[in-house]
N, C-alpha and C. Protein backbone atom coordinates (compact mmCIF):
# COMPACT_ATOMS: atom_id res chain seq x y z
N MET A 1 0.86 -1.24 0.06
CA MET A 1 0.03 -0.02 -0.14
C MET A 1 0.88 1.34 -0.01
N LYS A 2 1.94 1.30 0.80
CA LYS A 2 2.77 2.45 0.91
C LYS A 2 3.45 2.75 -0.38
N LYS A 3 3.96 1.64 -1.34
CA LYS A 3 4.52 1.74 -2.62
C LYS A 3 3.51 2.29 -3.60
N HIS A 4 2.21 1.87 -3.50
CA HIS A 4 1.29 2.35 -4.40
C HIS A 4 0.93 3.82 -4.10
N HIS A 5 0.84 4.15 -2.92
CA HIS A 5 0.56 5.62 -2.43
C HIS A 5 1.80 6.35 -2.93
N LEU A 6 2.97 6.06 -2.67
CA LEU A 6 4.10 6.88 -3.16
C LEU A 6 4.01 7.21 -4.62
N LEU A 7 3.91 6.01 -5.45
CA LEU A 7 3.64 6.10 -6.90
C LEU A 7 2.60 7.12 -7.33
N ALA A 8 1.44 6.90 -6.73
CA ALA A 8 0.44 8.02 -7.11
C ALA A 8 0.87 9.39 -6.68
N CYS A 9 1.45 9.56 -5.50
CA CYS A 9 2.01 10.78 -5.29
C CYS A 9 2.90 11.44 -6.35
N LEU A 10 3.83 10.63 -6.74
CA LEU A 10 4.88 11.11 -7.58
C LEU A 10 4.24 11.46 -9.05
N ILE A 11 3.27 10.87 -9.64
CA ILE A 11 2.66 11.00 -10.94
C ILE A 11 1.79 12.37 -10.74
N SER A 12 0.83 12.34 -9.50
CA SER A 12 0.13 13.37 -9.50
C SER A 12 0.93 14.77 -9.19
N GLY A 13 2.06 14.49 -8.81
CA GLY A 13 2.85 15.77 -8.56
C GLY A 13 3.81 16.10 -9.86
N GLY A 14 3.61 15.39 -10.85
CA GLY A 14 4.36 15.75 -12.09
C GLY A 14 5.81 15.26 -12.14
N VAL A 15 6.21 14.39 -11.25
CA VAL A 15 7.55 14.02 -11.24
C VAL A 15 7.78 12.97 -12.23
N GLY A 16 8.70 12.90 -13.26
CA GLY A 16 8.72 12.01 -14.43
C GLY A 16 9.51 10.85 -13.89
N LEU A 17 9.08 9.86 -14.24
CA LEU A 17 9.92 8.38 -14.00
C LEU A 17 10.76 8.05 -15.11
N LEU A 18 12.03 8.17 -15.09
CA LEU A 18 12.97 7.82 -16.11
C LEU A 18 13.41 6.40 -16.24
N LEU A 19 13.13 5.93 -17.39
CA LEU A 19 13.59 4.65 -17.85
C LEU A 19 14.73 4.70 -18.97
N PRO A 20 15.52 3.81 -19.21
CA PRO A 20 16.41 3.88 -20.16
C PRO A 20 15.71 4.26 -21.57
N GLY A 21 16.11 5.47 -22.11
CA GLY A 21 15.67 5.84 -23.51
C GLY A 21 14.33 6.48 -23.42
N MET A 22 13.66 6.66 -22.24
CA MET A 22 12.44 7.31 -22.30
C MET A 22 12.14 7.85 -21.01
N ALA A 23 10.90 8.82 -20.98
CA ALA A 23 10.71 9.31 -19.67
C ALA A 23 9.15 9.51 -19.57
N PHE A 24 8.67 9.64 -18.58
CA PHE A 24 6.96 9.52 -18.14
C PHE A 24 7.03 11.10 -17.78
N ALA A 25 6.08 11.74 -18.47
CA ALA A 25 5.92 13.33 -18.09
C ALA A 25 4.61 13.42 -17.67
N GLN A 26 4.16 14.50 -17.07
CA GLN A 26 2.81 14.58 -16.65
C GLN A 26 1.91 14.77 -17.75
N GLY A 27 0.75 14.14 -17.83
CA GLY A 27 -0.45 14.26 -18.84
C GLY A 27 -0.90 15.55 -18.80
N THR A 28 -1.71 15.76 -19.83
CA THR A 28 -2.53 17.02 -19.95
C THR A 28 -3.96 16.93 -19.33
N GLY A 29 -4.25 15.70 -18.87
CA GLY A 29 -5.61 15.54 -18.11
C GLY A 29 -5.37 15.65 -16.72
N PRO A 30 -6.45 15.71 -15.85
CA PRO A 30 -6.35 16.01 -14.55
C PRO A 30 -6.13 14.55 -13.99
N ALA A 31 -5.38 14.72 -12.78
CA ALA A 31 -5.11 13.48 -11.91
C ALA A 31 -6.42 12.90 -11.40
N PRO A 32 -6.31 11.55 -10.99
CA PRO A 32 -7.47 10.88 -10.46
C PRO A 32 -7.97 11.82 -9.23
N GLY A 33 -9.20 11.96 -9.05
CA GLY A 33 -9.60 12.70 -7.87
C GLY A 33 -9.52 14.11 -7.68
N ALA A 34 -8.96 14.65 -8.93
CA ALA A 34 -8.78 16.34 -8.85
C ALA A 34 -10.15 16.75 -9.25
N ALA A 35 -10.12 18.17 -8.94
CA ALA A 35 -11.32 19.01 -8.72
C ALA A 35 -11.65 19.11 -10.14
N GLY A 36 -12.80 18.76 -10.53
CA GLY A 36 -13.48 18.89 -12.20
C GLY A 36 -12.91 17.84 -12.86
N GLY A 37 -12.26 16.80 -12.39
CA GLY A 37 -11.74 15.64 -13.13
C GLY A 37 -12.80 14.73 -13.74
N GLY A 38 -14.01 14.80 -12.99
CA GLY A 38 -14.94 13.93 -13.44
C GLY A 38 -14.60 12.43 -13.47
N GLY A 39 -13.58 12.06 -12.73
CA GLY A 39 -13.36 10.62 -12.39
C GLY A 39 -12.66 10.06 -13.54
N SER A 40 -12.19 11.02 -14.59
CA SER A 40 -11.48 10.51 -15.84
C SER A 40 -10.09 9.84 -15.65
N THR A 41 -9.72 8.83 -16.31
CA THR A 41 -8.53 8.26 -16.06
C THR A 41 -7.28 9.23 -16.41
N TYR A 42 -6.26 8.99 -15.79
CA TYR A 42 -4.95 9.76 -15.91
C TYR A 42 -4.00 8.97 -16.64
N ALA A 43 -3.59 9.39 -17.71
CA ALA A 43 -2.77 8.71 -18.63
C ALA A 43 -1.42 9.46 -18.64
N PRO A 44 -0.23 9.02 -18.00
CA PRO A 44 1.03 9.73 -18.14
C PRO A 44 1.39 9.64 -19.64
N LYS A 45 2.31 10.77 -20.10
CA LYS A 45 2.50 10.98 -21.38
C LYS A 45 4.04 10.53 -21.58
N MET A 46 4.24 9.56 -22.49
CA MET A 46 5.57 9.24 -22.79
C MET A 46 6.33 10.05 -23.76
N VAL A 47 7.55 10.60 -23.33
CA VAL A 47 8.40 11.23 -24.23
C VAL A 47 9.79 10.73 -24.40
N ALA A 48 10.31 10.25 -25.59
CA ALA A 48 11.61 9.84 -25.94
C ALA A 48 12.69 10.99 -25.40
N VAL A 49 13.76 10.54 -24.74
CA VAL A 49 14.72 11.29 -24.40
C VAL A 49 16.07 10.39 -24.66
N PRO A 50 17.28 10.94 -25.15
CA PRO A 50 18.36 10.44 -25.47
C PRO A 50 18.88 9.51 -24.23
N ASP A 51 19.38 8.41 -24.57
CA ASP A 51 19.95 7.47 -23.60
C ASP A 51 21.47 7.74 -23.51
N THR A 52 21.81 8.71 -22.69
CA THR A 52 23.21 9.09 -22.60
C THR A 52 24.23 8.05 -22.13
N ARG A 53 23.70 6.68 -21.68
CA ARG A 53 24.66 5.67 -21.40
C ARG A 53 25.05 4.92 -22.61
N ASP A 54 24.36 5.26 -23.83
CA ASP A 54 25.02 4.63 -25.05
C ASP A 54 26.11 5.10 -25.56
N PRO A 55 27.44 4.14 -25.44
CA PRO A 55 28.74 4.60 -25.54
C PRO A 55 29.00 4.92 -26.94
N VAL A 56 28.14 4.57 -28.00
CA VAL A 56 28.29 4.71 -29.50
C VAL A 56 27.97 6.33 -29.62
N ALA A 57 26.70 6.54 -29.00
CA ALA A 57 26.36 7.89 -29.33
C ALA A 57 27.12 8.95 -28.69
N ALA A 58 27.64 8.50 -27.45
CA ALA A 58 28.29 9.56 -26.32
C ALA A 58 29.87 9.64 -26.72
N ARG A 59 30.47 8.72 -27.49
CA ARG A 59 31.87 8.99 -27.87
C ARG A 59 32.19 9.67 -28.85
N PRO A 60 33.19 10.70 -28.69
CA PRO A 60 33.43 11.56 -29.85
C PRO A 60 34.23 11.04 -30.77
N LEU A 61 34.32 11.74 -31.91
CA LEU A 61 35.20 11.18 -33.05
C LEU A 61 36.58 11.57 -32.80
N SER A 62 37.56 10.80 -33.15
CA SER A 62 38.93 10.86 -33.10
C SER A 62 39.36 11.70 -34.33
N ASP A 63 40.47 12.44 -34.26
CA ASP A 63 41.02 13.14 -35.41
C ASP A 63 41.03 12.17 -36.60
N GLN A 64 41.42 10.93 -36.25
CA GLN A 64 41.53 9.93 -37.51
C GLN A 64 40.12 9.68 -38.09
N ASP A 65 39.18 9.51 -37.20
CA ASP A 65 37.94 9.36 -37.71
C ASP A 65 37.31 10.60 -38.49
N ARG A 66 37.50 11.74 -38.01
CA ARG A 66 37.19 12.99 -38.85
C ARG A 66 37.98 13.07 -40.12
N SER A 67 39.19 12.97 -40.13
CA SER A 67 40.03 13.02 -41.35
C SER A 67 39.56 11.97 -42.31
N PHE A 68 39.17 10.76 -42.04
CA PHE A 68 38.70 9.88 -42.92
C PHE A 68 37.35 10.26 -43.46
N ILE A 69 36.39 10.73 -42.70
CA ILE A 69 35.05 11.12 -43.31
C ILE A 69 35.16 12.32 -44.16
N GLU A 70 36.14 13.28 -43.87
CA GLU A 70 36.28 14.45 -44.75
C GLU A 70 37.01 13.96 -46.02
N THR A 71 37.96 13.14 -46.06
CA THR A 71 38.55 12.60 -47.13
C THR A 71 37.73 11.87 -48.08
N ALA A 72 37.06 10.86 -47.24
CA ALA A 72 35.99 9.97 -48.16
C ALA A 72 34.99 10.75 -48.87
N ALA A 73 34.38 11.85 -48.32
CA ALA A 73 33.39 12.65 -48.70
C ALA A 73 33.88 13.32 -49.90
N ALA A 74 35.00 13.85 -50.01
CA ALA A 74 35.78 14.73 -51.17
C ALA A 74 35.93 13.69 -52.15
N ARG A 75 36.26 12.47 -51.82
CA ARG A 75 36.59 11.45 -52.89
C ARG A 75 35.36 11.12 -53.75
N SER A 76 34.28 10.84 -52.86
CA SER A 76 32.88 10.50 -53.49
C SER A 76 32.35 11.68 -54.17
N ALA A 77 32.63 12.80 -53.77
CA ALA A 77 31.90 14.00 -54.49
C ALA A 77 32.99 14.16 -55.89
N ALA A 78 34.23 13.79 -55.89
CA ALA A 78 34.90 13.83 -57.05
C ALA A 78 34.48 12.82 -57.96
N ALA A 79 34.24 11.51 -57.45
CA ALA A 79 33.86 10.49 -58.56
C ALA A 79 32.46 10.74 -58.92
N ILE A 80 31.61 11.45 -58.16
CA ILE A 80 30.19 11.73 -58.70
C ILE A 80 30.37 12.72 -59.99
N SER A 81 31.25 13.76 -59.83
CA SER A 81 31.49 14.83 -60.67
C SER A 81 31.98 14.31 -61.97
N MET A 82 33.01 13.34 -61.91
CA MET A 82 33.74 12.82 -63.00
C MET A 82 32.75 11.90 -63.69
N ALA A 83 32.00 11.09 -62.98
CA ALA A 83 30.90 10.17 -63.67
C ALA A 83 29.92 10.82 -64.36
N GLN A 84 29.40 11.89 -63.66
CA GLN A 84 28.51 12.88 -64.51
C GLN A 84 29.02 13.34 -65.80
N LEU A 85 30.45 13.77 -65.87
CA LEU A 85 30.99 14.28 -67.00
C LEU A 85 31.21 13.18 -68.12
N ALA A 86 31.51 11.75 -67.68
CA ALA A 86 31.67 10.90 -68.42
C ALA A 86 30.42 10.37 -69.16
N MET A 87 29.35 10.48 -68.36
CA MET A 87 27.97 10.14 -69.08
C MET A 87 27.62 10.94 -70.05
N THR A 88 28.11 12.35 -70.28
CA THR A 88 27.67 13.19 -71.16
C THR A 88 28.80 13.41 -72.26
N ARG A 89 30.06 12.86 -71.98
CA ARG A 89 31.02 13.10 -72.95
C ARG A 89 31.44 12.02 -73.84
N SER A 90 31.39 10.78 -72.96
CA SER A 90 31.83 9.39 -73.59
C SER A 90 30.76 8.83 -74.36
N SER A 91 31.17 8.35 -75.70
CA SER A 91 30.25 7.56 -76.46
C SER A 91 30.56 5.96 -76.37
N ASN A 92 31.55 5.61 -75.58
CA ASN A 92 31.94 4.45 -75.42
C ASN A 92 30.96 3.61 -74.35
N PRO A 93 30.13 2.52 -74.99
CA PRO A 93 29.15 1.94 -73.97
C PRO A 93 29.75 1.27 -72.57
N GLU A 94 31.16 0.85 -72.54
CA GLU A 94 31.72 0.22 -71.30
C GLU A 94 32.11 1.41 -70.44
N VAL A 95 32.41 2.55 -70.89
CA VAL A 95 32.80 3.69 -70.18
C VAL A 95 31.60 4.27 -69.57
N ARG A 96 30.47 4.33 -70.22
CA ARG A 96 29.32 4.95 -69.82
C ARG A 96 28.58 4.02 -68.62
N THR A 97 28.79 2.76 -68.99
CA THR A 97 28.35 1.76 -67.94
C THR A 97 29.06 1.99 -66.76
N LEU A 98 30.37 1.84 -66.60
CA LEU A 98 31.18 2.18 -65.53
C LEU A 98 31.08 3.58 -64.88
N ALA A 99 30.79 4.70 -65.74
CA ALA A 99 30.25 5.96 -65.09
C ALA A 99 28.89 5.83 -64.23
N GLU A 100 28.03 5.21 -64.88
CA GLU A 100 26.67 5.05 -64.15
C GLU A 100 27.00 4.32 -62.82
N ALA A 101 27.68 3.13 -62.80
CA ALA A 101 28.05 2.37 -61.49
C ALA A 101 28.76 3.39 -60.61
N GLN A 102 29.55 4.17 -61.05
CA GLN A 102 30.46 5.13 -60.22
C GLN A 102 29.36 5.92 -59.58
N LEU A 103 28.57 6.64 -60.41
CA LEU A 103 27.60 7.83 -59.84
C LEU A 103 26.63 7.01 -58.93
N ARG A 104 26.29 5.93 -59.13
CA ARG A 104 25.19 5.15 -58.29
C ARG A 104 25.97 4.85 -56.72
N GLU A 105 27.08 4.36 -57.03
CA GLU A 105 27.68 3.77 -55.65
C GLU A 105 28.21 5.00 -54.79
N HIS A 106 28.87 5.82 -55.59
CA HIS A 106 29.45 7.11 -54.75
C HIS A 106 28.40 8.07 -54.25
N THR A 107 27.30 8.21 -54.87
CA THR A 107 25.98 9.08 -54.35
C THR A 107 25.60 8.28 -53.20
N ARG A 108 25.52 7.06 -53.12
CA ARG A 108 25.00 6.23 -51.97
C ARG A 108 25.94 6.42 -50.78
N MET A 109 27.25 6.24 -50.99
CA MET A 109 28.27 6.37 -50.04
C MET A 109 28.45 7.92 -49.52
N LEU A 110 28.24 8.98 -50.41
CA LEU A 110 28.20 10.23 -49.86
C LEU A 110 27.13 10.44 -48.99
N ASP A 111 26.00 9.99 -49.40
CA ASP A 111 24.70 10.02 -48.52
C ASP A 111 24.90 9.52 -47.05
N GLU A 112 25.39 8.34 -47.09
CA GLU A 112 25.65 7.73 -45.75
C GLU A 112 26.55 8.36 -44.91
N LEU A 113 27.56 9.08 -45.47
CA LEU A 113 28.78 10.04 -44.88
C LEU A 113 27.91 11.05 -44.35
N LYS A 114 27.02 11.80 -45.03
CA LYS A 114 26.27 12.89 -44.55
C LYS A 114 25.57 12.58 -43.20
N GLN A 115 24.78 11.23 -43.45
CA GLN A 115 24.11 10.92 -42.25
C GLN A 115 24.97 10.70 -41.09
N LEU A 116 26.14 10.11 -41.32
CA LEU A 116 26.94 9.78 -40.12
C LEU A 116 27.51 11.09 -39.55
N ALA A 117 27.92 11.98 -40.19
CA ALA A 117 28.47 13.20 -39.78
C ALA A 117 27.40 13.94 -39.03
N GLU A 118 26.05 13.91 -39.51
CA GLU A 118 24.96 14.73 -38.91
C GLU A 118 24.64 13.98 -37.46
N ARG A 119 24.81 12.79 -37.42
CA ARG A 119 24.49 11.87 -36.11
C ARG A 119 25.77 12.31 -35.20
N LYS A 120 26.85 12.43 -35.64
CA LYS A 120 28.01 12.92 -34.74
C LYS A 120 28.31 14.16 -34.58
N GLU A 121 27.16 15.09 -35.07
CA GLU A 121 27.25 16.61 -34.89
C GLU A 121 28.59 17.06 -35.51
N MET A 122 28.90 16.59 -36.53
CA MET A 122 30.07 17.22 -37.49
C MET A 122 29.82 17.87 -38.53
N THR A 123 30.22 19.01 -38.77
CA THR A 123 29.93 19.84 -39.93
C THR A 123 30.91 19.22 -41.11
N LEU A 124 30.06 18.81 -42.19
CA LEU A 124 30.90 18.05 -43.28
C LEU A 124 30.78 18.89 -44.56
N SER A 125 32.02 19.16 -45.17
CA SER A 125 32.17 19.71 -46.41
C SER A 125 32.65 18.77 -47.39
N SER A 126 31.90 18.90 -48.54
CA SER A 126 32.10 18.00 -49.56
C SER A 126 33.15 18.62 -50.63
N ASP A 127 33.63 19.57 -50.33
CA ASP A 127 34.35 20.53 -51.35
C ASP A 127 35.67 19.61 -51.90
N LEU A 128 35.72 19.85 -53.08
CA LEU A 128 37.04 19.10 -53.71
C LEU A 128 38.34 19.65 -53.46
N THR A 129 39.39 18.65 -53.44
CA THR A 129 40.72 19.25 -53.17
C THR A 129 41.16 20.07 -54.47
N ALA A 130 42.26 20.65 -54.32
CA ALA A 130 42.75 21.49 -55.53
C ALA A 130 43.20 20.45 -56.38
N GLU A 131 43.76 19.41 -56.11
CA GLU A 131 44.09 18.23 -57.06
C GLU A 131 43.14 17.67 -57.65
N GLN A 132 41.72 17.45 -57.13
CA GLN A 132 40.74 16.74 -57.74
C GLN A 132 40.06 17.83 -58.70
N LYS A 133 40.02 19.23 -58.34
CA LYS A 133 39.53 20.03 -59.23
C LYS A 133 40.38 20.34 -60.43
N SER A 134 41.57 20.09 -60.35
CA SER A 134 42.44 20.31 -61.39
C SER A 134 42.41 18.87 -62.40
N SER A 135 42.25 17.89 -61.89
CA SER A 135 42.00 16.68 -62.57
C SER A 135 40.62 16.75 -63.41
N ILE A 136 39.72 17.17 -62.89
CA ILE A 136 38.25 17.30 -63.33
C ILE A 136 38.39 18.29 -64.63
N LEU A 137 39.07 19.38 -64.12
CA LEU A 137 39.10 20.44 -65.10
C LEU A 137 39.85 20.06 -66.49
N GLY A 138 40.91 19.22 -66.25
CA GLY A 138 41.66 18.64 -67.27
C GLY A 138 40.99 17.70 -68.23
N MET A 139 40.03 16.93 -67.49
CA MET A 139 39.11 16.11 -68.22
C MET A 139 38.17 16.78 -69.09
N HIS A 140 37.81 17.95 -68.74
CA HIS A 140 36.76 18.69 -69.36
C HIS A 140 37.45 19.15 -70.82
N MET A 141 38.92 19.15 -70.93
CA MET A 141 39.32 19.63 -72.04
C MET A 141 39.67 18.45 -73.10
N LEU A 142 39.11 17.22 -72.77
CA LEU A 142 39.40 15.99 -73.53
C LEU A 142 38.18 15.62 -74.29
N ARG A 143 38.41 14.80 -75.54
CA ARG A 143 37.29 14.48 -76.31
C ARG A 143 37.71 12.92 -76.65
N GLY A 144 36.64 11.99 -76.93
CA GLY A 144 36.85 10.79 -77.53
C GLY A 144 37.60 9.86 -76.92
N ASP A 145 38.41 9.01 -77.48
CA ASP A 145 39.19 8.04 -76.96
C ASP A 145 40.37 8.73 -75.75
N GLU A 146 40.60 9.88 -76.03
CA GLU A 146 41.57 10.56 -74.99
C GLU A 146 40.87 10.75 -73.77
N PHE A 147 39.53 11.12 -73.78
CA PHE A 147 38.87 11.27 -72.59
C PHE A 147 38.70 9.96 -71.95
N ASP A 148 38.05 8.87 -72.66
CA ASP A 148 37.97 7.49 -72.20
C ASP A 148 39.14 7.10 -71.37
N ARG A 149 40.27 7.32 -71.86
CA ARG A 149 41.46 6.87 -71.26
C ARG A 149 41.83 7.60 -69.95
N ALA A 150 41.52 8.82 -70.11
CA ALA A 150 41.78 9.76 -68.87
C ALA A 150 40.89 9.42 -67.58
N TYR A 151 39.63 9.11 -68.13
CA TYR A 151 38.67 8.88 -67.04
C TYR A 151 38.85 7.42 -66.56
N THR A 152 39.15 6.40 -67.28
CA THR A 152 39.27 5.12 -66.72
C THR A 152 40.62 5.09 -65.84
N ALA A 153 41.51 5.84 -66.28
CA ALA A 153 42.69 6.01 -65.24
C ALA A 153 42.24 6.62 -63.98
N ALA A 154 41.55 7.76 -64.00
CA ALA A 154 41.19 8.32 -62.82
C ALA A 154 40.33 7.36 -61.92
N VAL A 155 39.30 6.39 -62.53
CA VAL A 155 38.56 5.64 -61.76
C VAL A 155 39.44 4.61 -61.14
N ARG A 156 40.36 4.04 -61.75
CA ARG A 156 41.44 2.94 -61.21
C ARG A 156 41.98 3.75 -60.15
N GLU A 157 42.56 4.82 -60.12
CA GLU A 157 43.36 5.46 -59.08
C GLU A 157 42.37 5.81 -57.82
N ASN A 158 41.27 6.31 -58.02
CA ASN A 158 40.34 6.45 -57.16
C ASN A 158 39.77 5.31 -56.46
N GLN A 159 39.55 4.10 -57.04
CA GLN A 159 39.25 2.98 -56.61
C GLN A 159 40.31 2.40 -55.63
N ARG A 160 41.66 2.40 -56.18
CA ARG A 160 42.58 2.06 -55.29
C ARG A 160 42.89 2.74 -53.95
N GLU A 161 42.68 4.09 -54.00
CA GLU A 161 42.81 4.77 -52.82
C GLU A 161 41.62 4.55 -51.87
N ALA A 162 40.49 4.53 -52.53
CA ALA A 162 39.31 4.38 -51.57
C ALA A 162 39.34 2.93 -50.91
N MET A 163 39.74 1.85 -51.57
CA MET A 163 39.87 0.66 -51.00
C MET A 163 40.86 0.53 -49.85
N ASP A 164 41.95 1.25 -50.15
CA ASP A 164 43.19 1.25 -48.95
C ASP A 164 42.44 2.15 -47.68
N ARG A 165 41.95 3.29 -48.04
CA ARG A 165 41.48 4.09 -46.94
C ARG A 165 40.43 3.19 -46.12
N LEU A 166 39.42 2.61 -46.76
CA LEU A 166 38.27 2.12 -46.11
C LEU A 166 38.90 0.85 -45.34
N GLU A 167 39.84 0.03 -46.02
CA GLU A 167 40.41 -1.04 -45.26
C GLU A 167 41.12 -0.62 -43.94
N GLU A 168 41.92 0.49 -44.09
CA GLU A 168 42.51 1.05 -42.88
C GLU A 168 41.64 1.36 -41.73
N GLN A 169 40.57 2.15 -42.26
CA GLN A 169 39.67 2.72 -41.21
C GLN A 169 38.88 1.55 -40.54
N ARG A 170 38.49 0.62 -41.48
CA ARG A 170 37.84 -0.70 -40.92
C ARG A 170 38.65 -1.23 -39.85
N ASP A 171 39.93 -1.44 -40.01
CA ASP A 171 40.77 -2.24 -38.91
C ASP A 171 41.21 -1.21 -37.86
N LYS A 172 41.50 -0.03 -38.01
CA LYS A 172 42.12 0.83 -37.13
C LYS A 172 41.28 1.96 -36.47
N GLY A 173 40.12 2.24 -37.00
CA GLY A 173 39.26 3.29 -36.75
C GLY A 173 38.84 3.21 -35.28
N SER A 174 38.38 4.43 -34.55
CA SER A 174 38.18 4.57 -33.11
C SER A 174 36.76 4.29 -32.98
N ASN A 175 35.97 4.99 -33.81
CA ASN A 175 34.48 4.90 -33.50
C ASN A 175 33.79 3.80 -34.39
N ILE A 176 32.81 3.03 -33.49
CA ILE A 176 32.18 1.95 -34.06
C ILE A 176 31.56 2.25 -35.32
N LEU A 177 30.85 3.55 -35.33
CA LEU A 177 29.88 3.82 -36.57
C LEU A 177 30.70 3.98 -37.74
N VAL A 178 31.89 4.67 -37.44
CA VAL A 178 32.70 4.99 -38.69
C VAL A 178 33.35 3.73 -39.23
N ARG A 179 33.82 2.80 -38.37
CA ARG A 179 34.33 1.36 -38.72
C ARG A 179 33.25 0.56 -39.48
N SER A 180 32.11 0.72 -39.08
CA SER A 180 31.07 -0.11 -39.70
C SER A 180 30.81 0.41 -41.12
N TYR A 181 30.73 1.78 -41.25
CA TYR A 181 30.62 2.33 -42.56
C TYR A 181 31.93 1.90 -43.44
N ALA A 182 33.06 1.93 -43.00
CA ALA A 182 34.19 1.63 -43.74
C ALA A 182 34.13 0.14 -44.19
N ALA A 183 33.68 -0.80 -43.14
CA ALA A 183 33.71 -2.22 -43.53
C ALA A 183 32.59 -2.58 -44.66
N LYS A 184 31.45 -1.80 -44.39
CA LYS A 184 30.49 -2.11 -45.24
C LYS A 184 30.76 -1.65 -46.84
N ASN A 185 31.36 -0.37 -47.03
CA ASN A 185 31.61 0.03 -48.29
C ASN A 185 32.99 -0.47 -48.80
N TYR A 186 33.83 -1.07 -47.97
CA TYR A 186 34.96 -1.80 -48.53
C TYR A 186 34.35 -3.00 -49.33
N MET A 187 33.52 -3.81 -48.59
CA MET A 187 32.91 -4.82 -49.31
C MET A 187 31.98 -4.35 -50.43
N ALA A 188 31.39 -3.26 -50.59
CA ALA A 188 30.58 -2.84 -51.52
C ALA A 188 31.39 -2.70 -52.92
N LEU A 189 32.58 -1.97 -52.60
CA LEU A 189 33.44 -1.81 -53.77
C LEU A 189 33.97 -2.74 -54.27
N LYS A 190 34.44 -3.65 -53.41
CA LYS A 190 35.08 -5.02 -53.78
C LYS A 190 34.01 -5.87 -54.72
N ARG A 191 32.73 -5.97 -54.25
CA ARG A 191 31.79 -6.53 -55.03
C ARG A 191 31.50 -5.96 -56.34
N LEU A 192 31.58 -4.70 -56.43
CA LEU A 192 31.65 -3.91 -57.62
C LEU A 192 32.42 -4.42 -58.72
N GLY A 193 33.72 -4.73 -58.21
CA GLY A 193 34.55 -5.39 -59.18
C GLY A 193 35.08 -4.49 -60.05
N GLU A 194 35.29 -3.25 -59.83
CA GLU A 194 35.65 -2.24 -60.71
C GLU A 194 36.99 -2.57 -61.45
N GLU A 195 37.90 -3.21 -60.78
CA GLU A 195 39.18 -3.31 -61.35
C GLU A 195 39.23 -4.21 -62.66
N GLU A 196 38.32 -5.42 -62.29
CA GLU A 196 38.07 -6.45 -63.35
C GLU A 196 37.21 -5.95 -64.53
N LYS A 197 36.31 -4.97 -64.33
CA LYS A 197 35.46 -4.61 -65.22
C LYS A 197 35.83 -3.38 -65.97
N LEU A 198 36.93 -2.63 -65.59
CA LEU A 198 37.30 -1.53 -66.27
C LEU A 198 37.88 -1.82 -67.60
N PRO A 199 37.51 -1.03 -68.54
CA PRO A 199 37.91 -1.05 -69.87
C PRO A 199 39.52 -0.99 -69.88
N LYS A 200 40.13 -1.84 -70.67
CA LYS A 200 41.43 -1.85 -70.64
C LYS A 200 42.18 -0.50 -71.18
N ALA A 201 42.97 0.00 -70.36
CA ALA A 201 43.77 1.31 -70.84
C ALA A 201 44.75 0.97 -72.00
N GLU A 202 44.68 1.77 -73.10
CA GLU A 202 45.55 1.53 -74.05
C GLU A 202 46.90 2.12 -74.02
């Protein structure tokens, strides 16, 4: 009886009862027995609150994690720009198919990075590096087979660098969310089999 009486007092007094991941707040209706309540049933209102005990949500990103996210975002942004250019510039079916795969995969990867950065309250810029901008600008000047060779070579290099960084982050990253992203997308690029499907450079 004493326990039930204490619980009723806490609820009617508007004191929240905290449970992992949620809280009970005072409802909008009157408490049982309150004046003008008309005997209506009091239903506490449930409000979701962050569970600060979650080590994944609470742990900050290391400098290595942040560097990886920024570099990966710029690399995917560059791959997207080059793929869009290749789809309008190349008449080679193999190169266009390659560009479509690049566009699809790196758009997905960049979207996932943005979601990850937002979850970790990190401001993410997908600005290209000076080297990436120069490479894309150079391809804008090319046509025909010369463009196809340059684009194919760029994809080969981007693929190699992406796989190396993803593997390194998967094995040595500090944050479990970043490591999971790296592991997932390392396998995604591996399955894509870009190196085997790339048109042979002449």
